[in-house]
Amino acid sequence: MSADERYGSRIPNERERRVIQLVAEGMKNCEVAREIGTTEHVVKNYLRVIYDKLGLWNRVELALWYESRRSGPAMMV
């Protein structure tokens, strides 16, 4: 299984990329919500969409996905 098959091919939008970055930095949902000016419930919805879009299951996978792309040549985040 290739990385594209595992992680999906859809690219997160700007707001989703910000949520990914904050979660990858170790912030809790309530902290992310404060940072982007929304509610914890909205952050949970963002994460559900992001997980689906990228084919991930949890925050750990999301953080690993972010780190693997953060320094790569075709930076998606």
PDB file of N, CA and C in Angstrom:
ATOM      1  N   MET A   1       0.845  -1.180   0.000  1.00  0.00           N
ATOM      2  CA  MET A   1       0.000   0.000   0.000  1.00  0.00           C
ATOM      3  C   MET A   1       0.888   1.241   0.000  1.00  0.00           C
ATOM      4  N   SER A   2       0.674   2.110  -0.962  1.00  0.00           N
ATOM      5  CA  SER A   2       1.482   3.326  -1.049  1.00  0.00           C
ATOM      6  C   SER A   2       0.989   4.370  -0.055  1.00  0.00           C
ATOM      7  N   ALA A   3       1.800   5.398   0.169  1.00  0.00           N
ATOM      8  CA  ALA A   3       1.431   6.471   1.096  1.00  0.00           C
ATOM      9  C   ALA A   3       0.161   7.169   0.625  1.00  0.00           C
ATOM     10  N   ASP A   4       0.012   7.383  -0.687  1.00  0.00           N
ATOM     11  CA  ASP A   4      -1.189   8.028  -1.206  1.00  0.00           C
ATOM     12  C   ASP A   4      -2.433   7.193  -0.941  1.00  0.00           C
ATOM     13  N   GLU A   5      -2.300   5.861  -1.074  1.00  0.00           N
ATOM     14  CA  GLU A   5      -3.444   4.997  -0.797  1.00  0.00           C
ATOM     15  C   GLU A   5      -3.781   5.030   0.697  1.00  0.00           C
ATOM     16  N   ARG A   6      -2.759   5.053   1.539  1.00  0.00           N
ATOM     17  CA  ARG A   6      -2.968   5.034   2.978  1.00  0.00           C
ATOM     18  C   ARG A   6      -3.519   6.351   3.492  1.00  0.00           C
ATOM     19  N   TYR A   7      -2.962   7.449   3.033  1.00  0.00           N
ATOM     20  CA  TYR A   7      -3.329   8.746   3.575  1.00  0.00           C
ATOM     21  C   TYR A   7      -4.338   9.514   2.727  1.00  0.00           C
ATOM     22  N   GLY A   8      -4.756   8.970   1.624  1.00  0.00           N
ATOM     23  CA  GLY A   8      -5.707   9.676   0.789  1.00  0.00           C
ATOM     24  C   GLY A   8      -5.012  10.733  -0.048  1.00  0.00           C
ATOM     25  N   SER A   9      -5.727  11.264  -1.008  1.00  0.00           N
ATOM     26  CA  SER A   9      -5.102  12.228  -1.908  1.00  0.00           C
ATOM     27  C   SER A   9      -5.700  13.618  -1.764  1.00  0.00           C
ATOM     28  N   ARG A  10      -6.683  13.773  -0.893  1.00  0.00           N
ATOM     29  CA  ARG A  10      -7.283  15.093  -0.723  1.00  0.00           C
ATOM     30  C   ARG A  10      -6.384  15.968   0.145  1.00  0.00           C
ATOM     31  N   ILE A  11      -6.303  17.229  -0.203  1.00  0.00           N
ATOM     32  CA  ILE A  11      -5.424  18.165   0.491  1.00  0.00           C
ATOM     33  C   ILE A  11      -6.259  19.025   1.445  1.00  0.00           C
ATOM     34  N   PRO A  12      -5.807  19.154   2.692  1.00  0.00           N
ATOM     35  CA  PRO A  12      -6.531  19.983   3.660  1.00  0.00           C
ATOM     36  C   PRO A  12      -6.553  21.456   3.243  1.00  0.00           C
ATOM     37  N   ASN A  13      -7.665  22.130   3.563  1.00  0.00           N
ATOM     38  CA  ASN A  13      -7.734  23.564   3.276  1.00  0.00           C
ATOM     39  C   ASN A  13      -6.929  24.342   4.323  1.00  0.00           C
ATOM     40  N   GLU A  14      -6.890  25.652   4.172  1.00  0.00           N
ATOM     41  CA  GLU A  14      -6.049  26.485   5.038  1.00  0.00           C
ATOM     42  C   GLU A  14      -6.423  26.349   6.519  1.00  0.00           C
ATOM     43  N   ARG A  15      -7.700  26.383   6.824  1.00  0.00           N
ATOM     44  CA  ARG A  15      -8.145  26.281   8.223  1.00  0.00           C
ATOM     45  C   ARG A  15      -7.809  24.905   8.789  1.00  0.00           C
ATOM     46  N   GLU A  16      -8.021  23.866   7.998  1.00  0.00           N
ATOM     47  CA  GLU A  16      -7.686  22.508   8.429  1.00  0.00           C
ATOM     48  C   GLU A  16      -6.183  22.369   8.656  1.00  0.00           C
ATOM     49  N   ARG A  17      -5.379  22.991   7.802  1.00  0.00           N
ATOM     50  CA  ARG A  17      -3.922  22.935   7.986  1.00  0.00           C
ATOM     51  C   ARG A  17      -3.522  23.575   9.310  1.00  0.00           C
ATOM     52  N   ARG A  18      -4.190  24.661   9.681  1.00  0.00           N
ATOM     53  CA  ARG A  18      -3.892  25.321  10.963  1.00  0.00           C
ATOM     54  C   ARG A  18      -4.256  24.403  12.132  1.00  0.00           C
ATOM     55  N   VAL A  19      -5.404  23.737  12.057  1.00  0.00           N
ATOM     56  CA  VAL A  19      -5.815  22.796  13.100  1.00  0.00           C
ATOM     57  C   VAL A  19      -4.795  21.661  13.184  1.00  0.00           C
ATOM     58  N   ILE A  20      -4.384  21.127  12.052  1.00  0.00           N
ATOM     59  CA  ILE A  20      -3.393  20.051  12.024  1.00  0.00           C
ATOM     60  C   ILE A  20      -2.113  20.506  12.707  1.00  0.00           C
ATOM     61  N   GLN A  21      -1.649  21.687  12.373  1.00  0.00           N
ATOM     62  CA  GLN A  21      -0.411  22.206  12.954  1.00  0.00           C
ATOM     63  C   GLN A  21      -0.523  22.300  14.473  1.00  0.00           C
ATOM     64  N   LEU A  22      -1.609  22.851  14.961  1.00  0.00           N
ATOM     65  CA  LEU A  22      -1.778  23.037  16.403  1.00  0.00           C
ATOM     66  C   LEU A  22      -1.893  21.700  17.139  1.00  0.00           C
ATOM     67  N   VAL A  23      -2.608  20.759  16.547  1.00  0.00           N
ATOM     68  CA  VAL A  23      -2.732  19.428  17.153  1.00  0.00           C
ATOM     69  C   VAL A  23      -1.370  18.735  17.157  1.00  0.00           C
ATOM     70  N   ALA A  24      -0.632  18.864  16.070  1.00  0.00           N
ATOM     71  CA  ALA A  24       0.694  18.244  15.975  1.00  0.00           C
ATOM     72  C   ALA A  24       1.662  18.846  16.991  1.00  0.00           C
ATOM     73  N   GLU A  25       1.427  20.103  17.386  1.00  0.00           N
ATOM     74  CA  GLU A  25       2.249  20.740  18.410  1.00  0.00           C
ATOM     75  C   GLU A  25       1.870  20.288  19.817  1.00  0.00           C
ATOM     76  N   GLY A  26       0.821  19.469  19.913  1.00  0.00           N
ATOM     77  CA  GLY A  26       0.436  18.897  21.203  1.00  0.00           C
ATOM     78  C   GLY A  26      -0.692  19.610  21.913  1.00  0.00           C
ATOM     79  N   MET A  27      -1.338  20.545  21.247  1.00  0.00           N
ATOM     80  CA  MET A  27      -2.443  21.267  21.882  1.00  0.00           C
ATOM     81  C   MET A  27      -3.672  20.376  22.023  1.00  0.00           C
ATOM     82  N   LYS A  28      -4.417  20.601  23.101  1.00  0.00           N
ATOM     83  CA  LYS A  28      -5.698  19.930  23.314  1.00  0.00           C
ATOM     84  C   LYS A  28      -6.754  20.646  22.491  1.00  0.00           C
ATOM     85  N   ASN A  29      -7.897  19.984  22.285  1.00  0.00           N
ATOM     86  CA  ASN A  29      -8.967  20.577  21.480  1.00  0.00           C
ATOM     87  C   ASN A  29      -9.396  21.941  22.009  1.00  0.00           C
ATOM     88  N   CYS A  30      -9.511  22.077  23.328  1.00  0.00           N
ATOM     89  CA  CYS A  30      -9.940  23.364  23.891  1.00  0.00           C
ATOM     90  C   CYS A  30      -8.898  24.448  23.627  1.00  0.00           C
ATOM     91  N   GLU A  31      -7.629  24.088  23.625  1.00  0.00           N
ATOM     92  CA  GLU A  31      -6.566  25.052  23.334  1.00  0.00           C
ATOM     93  C   GLU A  31      -6.577  25.456  21.864  1.00  0.00           C
ATOM     94  N   VAL A  32      -6.797  24.474  20.994  1.00  0.00           N
ATOM     95  CA  VAL A  32      -6.894  24.758  19.561  1.00  0.00           C
ATOM     96  C   VAL A  32      -8.073  25.697  19.317  1.00  0.00           C
ATOM     97  N   ALA A  33      -9.186  25.425  19.973  1.00  0.00           N
ATOM     98  CA  ALA A  33     -10.384  26.254  19.810  1.00  0.00           C
ATOM     99  C   ALA A  33     -10.100  27.702  20.196  1.00  0.00           C
ATOM    100  N   ARG A  34      -9.439  27.902  21.323  1.00  0.00           N
ATOM    101  CA  ARG A  34      -9.094  29.261  21.751  1.00  0.00           C
ATOM    102  C   ARG A  34      -8.171  29.932  20.738  1.00  0.00           C
ATOM    103  N   GLU A  35      -7.205  29.186  20.246  1.00  0.00           N
ATOM    104  CA  GLU A  35      -6.212  29.738  19.312  1.00  0.00           C
ATOM    105  C   GLU A  35      -6.845  30.204  18.000  1.00  0.00           C
ATOM    106  N   ILE A  36      -7.810  29.431  17.489  1.00  0.00           N
ATOM    107  CA  ILE A  36      -8.400  29.793  16.195  1.00  0.00           C
ATOM    108  C   ILE A  36      -9.731  30.533  16.342  1.00  0.00           C
ATOM    109  N   GLY A  37     -10.159  30.755  17.579  1.00  0.00           N
ATOM    110  CA  GLY A  37     -11.356  31.548  17.815  1.00  0.00           C
ATOM    111  C   GLY A  37     -12.659  30.845  17.529  1.00  0.00           C
ATOM    112  N   THR A  38     -12.781  29.615  18.002  1.00  0.00           N
ATOM    113  CA  THR A  38     -14.007  28.854  17.799  1.00  0.00           C
ATOM    114  C   THR A  38     -14.281  28.014  19.044  1.00  0.00           C
ATOM    115  N   THR A  39     -15.167  27.042  18.927  1.00  0.00           N
ATOM    116  CA  THR A  39     -15.502  26.189  20.062  1.00  0.00           C
ATOM    117  C   THR A  39     -14.815  24.833  19.944  1.00  0.00           C
ATOM    118  N   GLU A  40     -14.747  24.146  21.064  1.00  0.00           N
ATOM    119  CA  GLU A  40     -14.154  22.812  21.080  1.00  0.00           C
ATOM    120  C   GLU A  40     -14.948  21.861  20.173  1.00  0.00           C
ATOM    121  N   HIS A  41     -16.256  22.027  20.142  1.00  0.00           N
ATOM    122  CA  HIS A  41     -17.107  21.188  19.294  1.00  0.00           C
ATOM    123  C   HIS A  41     -16.730  21.349  17.810  1.00  0.00           C
ATOM    124  N   VAL A  42     -16.485  22.579  17.394  1.00  0.00           N
ATOM    125  CA  VAL A  42     -16.095  22.834  15.996  1.00  0.00           C
ATOM    126  C   VAL A  42     -14.739  22.195  15.703  1.00  0.00           C
ATOM    127  N   VAL A  43     -13.820  22.258  16.657  1.00  0.00           N
ATOM    128  CA  VAL A  43     -12.504  21.624  16.479  1.00  0.00           C
ATOM    129  C   VAL A  43     -12.672  20.116  16.306  1.00  0.00           C
ATOM    130  N   LYS A  44     -13.542  19.504  17.113  1.00  0.00           N
ATOM    131  CA  LYS A  44     -13.793  18.063  16.974  1.00  0.00           C
ATOM    132  C   LYS A  44     -14.335  17.743  15.587  1.00  0.00           C
ATOM    133  N   ASN A  45     -15.219  18.604  15.082  1.00  0.00           N
ATOM    134  CA  ASN A  45     -15.740  18.398  13.726  1.00  0.00           C
ATOM    135  C   ASN A  45     -14.640  18.541  12.686  1.00  0.00           C
ATOM    136  N   TYR A  46     -13.782  19.544  12.845  1.00  0.00           N
ATOM    137  CA  TYR A  46     -12.632  19.698  11.941  1.00  0.00           C
ATOM    138  C   TYR A  46     -11.795  18.422  11.940  1.00  0.00           C
ATOM    139  N   LEU A  47     -11.497  17.911  13.125  1.00  0.00           N
ATOM    140  CA  LEU A  47     -10.659  16.717  13.210  1.00  0.00           C
ATOM    141  C   LEU A  47     -11.316  15.518  12.534  1.00  0.00           C
ATOM    142  N   ARG A  48     -12.615  15.374  12.695  1.00  0.00           N
ATOM    143  CA  ARG A  48     -13.324  14.270  12.048  1.00  0.00           C
ATOM    144  C   ARG A  48     -13.191  14.371  10.528  1.00  0.00           C
ATOM    145  N   VAL A  49     -13.355  15.577   9.995  1.00  0.00           N
ATOM    146  CA  VAL A  49     -13.229  15.799   8.550  1.00  0.00           C
ATOM    147  C   VAL A  49     -11.789  15.557   8.094  1.00  0.00           C
ATOM    148  N   ILE A  50     -10.836  16.059   8.865  1.00  0.00           N
ATOM    149  CA  ILE A  50      -9.420  15.890   8.528  1.00  0.00           C
ATOM    150  C   ILE A  50      -9.040  14.414   8.523  1.00  0.00           C
ATOM    151  N   TYR A  51      -9.445  13.673   9.553  1.00  0.00           N
ATOM    152  CA  TYR A  51      -9.139  12.237   9.610  1.00  0.00           C
ATOM    153  C   TYR A  51      -9.710  11.527   8.387  1.00  0.00           C
ATOM    154  N   ASP A  52     -10.943  11.853   8.040  1.00  0.00           N
ATOM    155  CA  ASP A  52     -11.578  11.232   6.884  1.00  0.00           C
ATOM    156  C   ASP A  52     -10.858  11.611   5.595  1.00  0.00           C
ATOM    157  N   LYS A  53     -10.542  12.875   5.462  1.00  0.00           N
ATOM    158  CA  LYS A  53      -9.890  13.382   4.260  1.00  0.00           C
ATOM    159  C   LYS A  53      -8.525  12.737   4.044  1.00  0.00           C
ATOM    160  N   LEU A  54      -7.789  12.525   5.137  1.00  0.00           N
ATOM    161  CA  LEU A  54      -6.425  12.010   5.029  1.00  0.00           C
ATOM    162  C   LEU A  54      -6.321  10.503   5.264  1.00  0.00           C
ATOM    163  N   GLY A  55      -7.428   9.870   5.636  1.00  0.00           N
ATOM    164  CA  GLY A  55      -7.413   8.432   5.891  1.00  0.00           C
ATOM    165  C   GLY A  55      -6.697   8.080   7.180  1.00  0.00           C
ATOM    166  N   LEU A  56      -6.853   8.912   8.198  1.00  0.00           N
ATOM    167  CA  LEU A  56      -6.195   8.704   9.490  1.00  0.00           C
ATOM    168  C   LEU A  56      -7.221   8.324  10.550  1.00  0.00           C
ATOM    169  N   TRP A  57      -6.701   7.840  11.698  1.00  0.00           N
ATOM    170  CA  TRP A  57      -7.597   7.390  12.764  1.00  0.00           C
ATOM    171  C   TRP A  57      -7.533   8.253  14.021  1.00  0.00           C
ATOM    172  N   ASN A  58      -6.396   8.905  14.273  1.00  0.00           N
ATOM    173  CA  ASN A  58      -6.269   9.606  15.559  1.00  0.00           C
ATOM    174  C   ASN A  58      -5.206  10.701  15.493  1.00  0.00           C
ATOM    175  N   ARG A  59      -5.036  11.404  16.631  1.00  0.00           N
ATOM    176  CA  ARG A  59      -4.106  12.537  16.720  1.00  0.00           C
ATOM    177  C   ARG A  59      -2.654  12.123  16.509  1.00  0.00           C
ATOM    178  N   VAL A  60      -2.307  10.938  16.973  1.00  0.00           N
ATOM    179  CA  VAL A  60      -0.929  10.474  16.810  1.00  0.00           C
ATOM    180  C   VAL A  60      -0.616  10.308  15.325  1.00  0.00           C
ATOM    181  N   GLU A  61      -1.504   9.647  14.606  1.00  0.00           N
ATOM    182  CA  GLU A  61      -1.304   9.497  13.165  1.00  0.00           C
ATOM    183  C   GLU A  61      -1.274  10.861  12.484  1.00  0.00           C
ATOM    184  N   LEU A  62      -2.123  11.764  12.941  1.00  0.00           N
ATOM    185  CA  LEU A  62      -2.157  13.110  12.360  1.00  0.00           C
ATOM    186  C   LEU A  62      -0.838  13.844  12.590  1.00  0.00           C
ATOM    187  N   ALA A  63      -0.303  13.739  13.793  1.00  0.00           N
ATOM    188  CA  ALA A  63       0.979  14.386  14.098  1.00  0.00           C
ATOM    189  C   ALA A  63       2.101  13.784  13.255  1.00  0.00           C
ATOM    190  N   LEU A  64       2.101  12.474  13.088  1.00  0.00           N
ATOM    191  CA  LEU A  64       3.116  11.825  12.258  1.00  0.00           C
ATOM    192  C   LEU A  64       2.968  12.244  10.797  1.00  0.00           C
ATOM    193  N   TRP A  65       1.724  12.332  10.328  1.00  0.00           N
ATOM    194  CA  TRP A  65       1.472  12.781   8.955  1.00  0.00           C
ATOM    195  C   TRP A  65       2.022  14.190   8.771  1.00  0.00           C
ATOM    196  N   TYR A  66       1.740  15.060   9.723  1.00  0.00           N
ATOM    197  CA  TYR A  66       2.204  16.451   9.662  1.00  0.00           C
ATOM    198  C   TYR A  66       3.727  16.517   9.644  1.00  0.00           C
ATOM    199  N   GLU A  67       4.360  15.819  10.553  1.00  0.00           N
ATOM    200  CA  GLU A  67       5.828  15.851  10.641  1.00  0.00           C
ATOM    201  C   GLU A  67       6.483  15.315   9.379  1.00  0.00           C
ATOM    202  N   SER A  68       5.888  14.290   8.786  1.00  0.00           N
ATOM    203  CA  SER A  68       6.484  13.702   7.580  1.00  0.00           C
ATOM    204  C   SER A  68       6.401  14.648   6.383  1.00  0.00           C
ATOM    205  N   ARG A  69       5.469  15.583   6.414  1.00  0.00           N
ATOM    206  CA  ARG A  69       5.302  16.509   5.294  1.00  0.00           C
ATOM    207  C   ARG A  69       5.843  17.901   5.571  1.00  0.00           C
ATOM    208  N   ARG A  70       6.092  18.196   6.810  1.00  0.00           N
ATOM    209  CA  ARG A  70       6.522  19.532   7.208  1.00  0.00           C
ATOM    210  C   ARG A  70       7.857  19.923   6.586  1.00  0.00           C
ATOM    211  N   SER A  71       8.763  18.999   6.493  1.00  0.00           N
ATOM    212  CA  SER A  71      10.093  19.326   5.977  1.00  0.00           C
ATOM    213  C   SER A  71      10.344  18.777   4.578  1.00  0.00           C
ATOM    214  N   GLY A  72       9.335  18.124   3.993  1.00  0.00           N
ATOM    215  CA  GLY A  72       9.515  17.552   2.666  1.00  0.00           C
ATOM    216  C   GLY A  72       9.463  18.598   1.577  1.00  0.00           C
ATOM    217  N   PRO A  73       9.928  18.245   0.373  1.00  0.00           N
ATOM    218  CA  PRO A  73       9.969  19.186  -0.750  1.00  0.00           C
ATOM    219  C   PRO A  73       8.579  19.636  -1.202  1.00  0.00           C
ATOM    220  N   ALA A  74       7.615  18.737  -1.172  1.00  0.00           N
ATOM    221  CA  ALA A  74       6.249  19.082  -1.598  1.00  0.00           C
ATOM    222  C   ALA A  74       5.399  19.279  -0.344  1.00  0.00           C
ATOM    223  N   MET A  75       5.737  20.281   0.425  1.00  0.00           N
ATOM    224  CA  MET A  75       5.075  20.516   1.698  1.00  0.00           C
ATOM    225  C   MET A  75       3.592  20.799   1.487  1.00  0.00           C
ATOM    226  N   MET A  76       2.731  19.960   2.068  1.00  0.00           N
ATOM    227  CA  MET A  76       1.292  20.109   1.949  1.00  0.00           C
ATOM    228  C   MET A  76       0.717  20.897   3.104  1.00  0.00           C
ATOM    229  N   VAL A  77       1.447  21.003   4.176  1.00  0.00           N
ATOM    230  CA  VAL A  77       0.926  21.658   5.375  1.00  0.00           C
ATOM    231  C   VAL A  77       1.714  22.912   5.627  1.00  0.00           C
TER     232      VAL A  77
END
